[in-house]
Every structure is written in structure tokens, then in C-alpha cells.
């Protein structure tokens, strides 16, 4: 794991697009502004689409980390609604 401290985490490796973004967004919506969410996702479509969709929502992408096992962890800082 990265050296980024996070407030909440969600594993969406068992979801397929567009449910990957929906599950990540629901979890992000439950956080307070400034909190950090770690999202574990599979390589491929989720890595291409989830960060872009979250950024389009106005949140800050901190880091996308390759876990070395076919999954990635995306660190997102929630920005005000």
C-alpha cells in the first residue's frame, strides 16, 4: 500500500462498469469534504473509466497505484459537493 493515509476504502474488483463507478461514488458521497477514499479496482476498464469519472465529479485524484496483482488502488480526496 502507498504511504497515503486514507479515511475509508472500498473494493470494487467484483463489479463491472458502470457499477464500478456507482459503488465508488456512493462510498465517496458518504465521506466528509477533505477525506480520502482508497478504491481497489481491476486493471482495464475500471482503471480507464473510474478515475476520469471521479475527476469529472470534481474530486481530486491523489494517486493511482499498481498493486502488482492485476489490481490498482486509486486514492481520491473528496472535494465539496
N, C-alpha and C. Protein backbone atom coordinates (compact mmCIF):
# COMPACT_ATOMS: atom_id res chain seq x y z
N UNK A 1 0.83 -1.20 0.00
CA UNK A 1 0.00 0.00 0.00
C UNK A 1 0.87 1.26 0.00
N UNK A 2 0.30 2.30 -0.47
CA UNK A 2 1.03 3.57 -0.57
C UNK A 2 1.19 4.19 0.82
N UNK A 3 1.96 5.24 0.84
CA UNK A 3 2.17 5.97 2.09
C UNK A 3 1.09 7.03 2.30
N UNK A 4 -0.01 6.89 1.60
CA UNK A 4 -1.13 7.84 1.74
C UNK A 4 -2.09 7.30 2.80
N UNK A 5 -2.36 8.12 3.79
CA UNK A 5 -3.34 7.75 4.82
C UNK A 5 -4.73 8.01 4.26
N UNK A 6 -5.61 7.04 4.42
CA UNK A 6 -6.97 7.21 3.90
C UNK A 6 -7.99 6.99 5.02
N UNK A 7 -9.16 7.58 4.81
CA UNK A 7 -10.23 7.52 5.81
C UNK A 7 -11.17 6.34 5.61
N UNK A 8 -11.30 5.91 4.37
CA UNK A 8 -12.23 4.83 4.03
C UNK A 8 -11.68 4.10 2.83
N UNK A 9 -12.05 2.84 2.67
CA UNK A 9 -11.65 2.10 1.48
C UNK A 9 -12.82 1.29 0.95
N UNK A 10 -12.79 1.04 -0.36
CA UNK A 10 -13.83 0.24 -1.00
C UNK A 10 -13.16 -0.64 -2.04
N UNK A 11 -13.61 -1.87 -2.13
CA UNK A 11 -13.08 -2.83 -3.09
C UNK A 11 -14.14 -3.04 -4.16
N UNK A 12 -13.83 -2.64 -5.39
CA UNK A 12 -14.80 -2.79 -6.49
C UNK A 12 -14.31 -3.81 -7.51
N UNK A 13 -13.40 -4.70 -7.08
CA UNK A 13 -12.87 -5.70 -8.01
C UNK A 13 -13.92 -6.72 -8.43
N UNK A 14 -15.02 -6.82 -7.68
CA UNK A 14 -16.09 -7.76 -8.03
C UNK A 14 -17.20 -7.10 -8.85
N UNK A 15 -17.01 -5.85 -9.25
CA UNK A 15 -18.02 -5.11 -10.01
C UNK A 15 -17.54 -4.91 -11.46
N UNK A 16 -18.49 -4.67 -12.35
CA UNK A 16 -18.17 -4.34 -13.74
C UNK A 16 -18.74 -2.96 -14.06
N UNK A 17 -18.15 -2.28 -15.04
CA UNK A 17 -18.62 -0.96 -15.44
C UNK A 17 -20.06 -1.07 -15.92
N UNK A 18 -20.94 -0.14 -15.59
CA UNK A 18 -20.70 1.11 -14.86
C UNK A 18 -20.84 0.99 -13.35
N UNK A 19 -21.09 -0.21 -12.84
CA UNK A 19 -21.27 -0.36 -11.39
C UNK A 19 -20.01 -0.04 -10.60
N UNK A 20 -18.85 -0.14 -11.24
CA UNK A 20 -17.60 0.21 -10.55
C UNK A 20 -17.65 1.67 -10.10
N UNK A 21 -18.02 2.56 -10.99
CA UNK A 21 -18.08 3.99 -10.64
C UNK A 21 -19.21 4.26 -9.65
N UNK A 22 -20.36 3.61 -9.86
CA UNK A 22 -21.51 3.83 -8.98
C UNK A 22 -21.15 3.48 -7.54
N UNK A 23 -20.53 2.32 -7.34
CA UNK A 23 -20.15 1.90 -5.98
C UNK A 23 -19.12 2.86 -5.39
N UNK A 24 -18.15 3.28 -6.19
CA UNK A 24 -17.13 4.22 -5.71
C UNK A 24 -17.78 5.56 -5.35
N UNK A 25 -18.70 6.03 -6.20
CA UNK A 25 -19.35 7.33 -5.95
C UNK A 25 -20.21 7.29 -4.69
N UNK A 26 -20.95 6.22 -4.48
CA UNK A 26 -21.79 6.09 -3.29
C UNK A 26 -20.92 6.15 -2.03
N UNK A 27 -19.80 5.45 -2.05
CA UNK A 27 -18.90 5.46 -0.89
C UNK A 27 -18.29 6.85 -0.70
N UNK A 28 -17.91 7.48 -1.79
CA UNK A 28 -17.32 8.82 -1.72
C UNK A 28 -18.34 9.83 -1.18
N UNK A 29 -19.58 9.69 -1.58
CA UNK A 29 -20.64 10.60 -1.13
C UNK A 29 -20.85 10.54 0.38
N UNK A 30 -20.51 9.41 1.00
CA UNK A 30 -20.68 9.25 2.45
C UNK A 30 -19.57 9.93 3.26
N UNK A 31 -18.50 10.31 2.59
CA UNK A 31 -17.37 10.94 3.28
C UNK A 31 -17.58 12.44 3.45
N UNK A 32 -16.84 13.02 4.37
CA UNK A 32 -16.83 14.47 4.55
C UNK A 32 -15.81 15.08 3.59
N UNK A 33 -16.00 16.36 3.28
CA UNK A 33 -15.04 17.07 2.42
C UNK A 33 -13.63 16.94 3.01
N UNK A 34 -12.68 16.69 2.14
CA UNK A 34 -11.28 16.58 2.56
C UNK A 34 -10.86 15.19 2.95
N UNK A 35 -11.81 14.28 3.14
CA UNK A 35 -11.44 12.92 3.49
C UNK A 35 -10.95 12.18 2.25
N UNK A 36 -10.19 11.11 2.48
CA UNK A 36 -9.57 10.37 1.38
C UNK A 36 -10.14 8.96 1.32
N UNK A 37 -10.49 8.55 0.10
CA UNK A 37 -11.03 7.23 -0.18
C UNK A 37 -10.00 6.44 -0.99
N UNK A 38 -9.74 5.21 -0.58
CA UNK A 38 -8.90 4.29 -1.34
C UNK A 38 -9.83 3.31 -2.06
N UNK A 39 -9.72 3.26 -3.38
CA UNK A 39 -10.60 2.41 -4.18
C UNK A 39 -9.74 1.33 -4.85
N UNK A 40 -9.99 0.07 -4.51
CA UNK A 40 -9.26 -1.03 -5.13
C UNK A 40 -10.08 -1.51 -6.32
N UNK A 41 -9.43 -1.59 -7.49
CA UNK A 41 -10.15 -1.96 -8.71
C UNK A 41 -9.27 -2.81 -9.61
N UNK A 42 -9.91 -3.49 -10.55
CA UNK A 42 -9.18 -4.30 -11.52
C UNK A 42 -8.58 -3.42 -12.61
N UNK A 43 -7.54 -3.96 -13.25
CA UNK A 43 -6.96 -3.31 -14.42
C UNK A 43 -7.99 -3.34 -15.55
N UNK A 44 -7.79 -2.52 -16.55
CA UNK A 44 -8.70 -2.49 -17.70
C UNK A 44 -9.68 -1.35 -17.61
N UNK A 45 -10.94 -1.65 -17.92
CA UNK A 45 -11.98 -0.61 -17.95
C UNK A 45 -12.08 0.22 -16.67
N UNK A 46 -12.07 -0.42 -15.48
CA UNK A 46 -12.17 0.41 -14.27
C UNK A 46 -11.04 1.43 -14.15
N UNK A 47 -9.81 1.01 -14.45
CA UNK A 47 -8.66 1.93 -14.34
C UNK A 47 -8.78 3.06 -15.36
N UNK A 48 -9.38 2.77 -16.52
CA UNK A 48 -9.56 3.80 -17.54
C UNK A 48 -10.71 4.74 -17.21
N UNK A 49 -11.80 4.20 -16.66
CA UNK A 49 -13.02 4.98 -16.52
C UNK A 49 -13.27 5.59 -15.14
N UNK A 50 -12.98 4.86 -14.08
CA UNK A 50 -13.31 5.35 -12.73
C UNK A 50 -12.56 6.64 -12.39
N UNK A 51 -11.23 6.71 -12.59
CA UNK A 51 -10.55 7.98 -12.26
C UNK A 51 -11.10 9.16 -13.05
N UNK A 52 -11.36 8.97 -14.32
CA UNK A 52 -11.88 10.05 -15.17
C UNK A 52 -13.26 10.50 -14.66
N UNK A 53 -14.12 9.54 -14.36
CA UNK A 53 -15.47 9.88 -13.88
C UNK A 53 -15.43 10.60 -12.54
N UNK A 54 -14.55 10.16 -11.65
CA UNK A 54 -14.43 10.81 -10.34
C UNK A 54 -13.89 12.22 -10.50
N UNK A 55 -12.93 12.39 -11.38
CA UNK A 55 -12.38 13.73 -11.64
C UNK A 55 -13.45 14.63 -12.24
N UNK A 56 -14.27 14.08 -13.13
CA UNK A 56 -15.37 14.84 -13.73
C UNK A 56 -16.38 15.30 -12.68
N UNK A 57 -16.48 14.55 -11.58
CA UNK A 57 -17.37 14.92 -10.47
C UNK A 57 -16.77 16.05 -9.63
N UNK A 58 -15.50 16.39 -9.88
CA UNK A 58 -14.87 17.50 -9.17
C UNK A 58 -13.96 17.09 -8.02
N UNK A 59 -13.74 15.79 -7.85
CA UNK A 59 -12.88 15.33 -6.77
C UNK A 59 -11.43 15.27 -7.23
N UNK A 60 -10.52 15.21 -6.28
CA UNK A 60 -9.08 15.27 -6.58
C UNK A 60 -8.48 13.87 -6.57
N UNK A 61 -7.86 13.48 -7.68
CA UNK A 61 -7.15 12.21 -7.76
C UNK A 61 -5.76 12.43 -7.17
N UNK A 62 -5.43 11.67 -6.14
CA UNK A 62 -4.13 11.81 -5.49
C UNK A 62 -3.08 10.88 -6.08
N UNK A 63 -3.49 9.63 -6.33
CA UNK A 63 -2.52 8.66 -6.84
C UNK A 63 -3.26 7.43 -7.34
N UNK A 64 -2.70 6.82 -8.40
CA UNK A 64 -3.15 5.53 -8.89
C UNK A 64 -1.97 4.59 -8.74
N UNK A 65 -2.12 3.58 -7.90
CA UNK A 65 -1.01 2.70 -7.55
C UNK A 65 -1.25 1.28 -8.08
N UNK A 66 -0.24 0.73 -8.77
CA UNK A 66 -0.29 -0.64 -9.25
C UNK A 66 0.03 -1.57 -8.08
N UNK A 67 -0.89 -2.45 -7.75
CA UNK A 67 -0.68 -3.37 -6.63
C UNK A 67 0.14 -4.60 -7.01
N UNK A 68 0.42 -4.75 -8.31
CA UNK A 68 1.26 -5.86 -8.76
C UNK A 68 0.53 -7.19 -8.88
N UNK A 69 -0.78 -7.18 -8.70
CA UNK A 69 -1.55 -8.43 -8.78
C UNK A 69 -2.73 -8.32 -9.75
N UNK A 70 -2.63 -7.39 -10.68
CA UNK A 70 -3.73 -7.17 -11.63
C UNK A 70 -4.77 -6.19 -11.11
N UNK A 71 -4.51 -5.63 -9.93
CA UNK A 71 -5.42 -4.62 -9.38
C UNK A 71 -4.65 -3.33 -9.14
N UNK A 72 -5.41 -2.26 -9.01
CA UNK A 72 -4.86 -0.94 -8.72
C UNK A 72 -5.61 -0.35 -7.53
N UNK A 73 -4.96 0.57 -6.84
CA UNK A 73 -5.63 1.33 -5.79
C UNK A 73 -5.59 2.80 -6.19
N UNK A 74 -6.76 3.40 -6.23
CA UNK A 74 -6.92 4.81 -6.57
C UNK A 74 -7.21 5.56 -5.28
N UNK A 75 -6.43 6.61 -5.03
CA UNK A 75 -6.62 7.45 -3.85
C UNK A 75 -7.28 8.75 -4.28
N UNK A 76 -8.44 9.04 -3.68
CA UNK A 76 -9.25 10.19 -4.07
C UNK A 76 -9.54 11.05 -2.85
N UNK A 77 -9.34 12.35 -3.01
CA UNK A 77 -9.71 13.30 -1.95
C UNK A 77 -11.06 13.90 -2.31
N UNK A 78 -12.01 13.81 -1.38
CA UNK A 78 -13.34 14.36 -1.65
C UNK A 78 -13.29 15.88 -1.59
N UNK A 79 -13.86 16.48 -2.64
CA UNK A 79 -13.95 17.94 -2.72
C UNK A 79 -15.42 18.31 -2.58
N UNK A 80 -15.71 19.40 -1.90
CA UNK A 80 -17.08 19.84 -1.60
C UNK A 80 -18.10 19.61 -2.68
N UNK A 81 -19.32 19.33 -2.24
CA UNK A 81 -20.43 19.00 -3.16
C UNK A 81 -20.86 20.19 -3.98
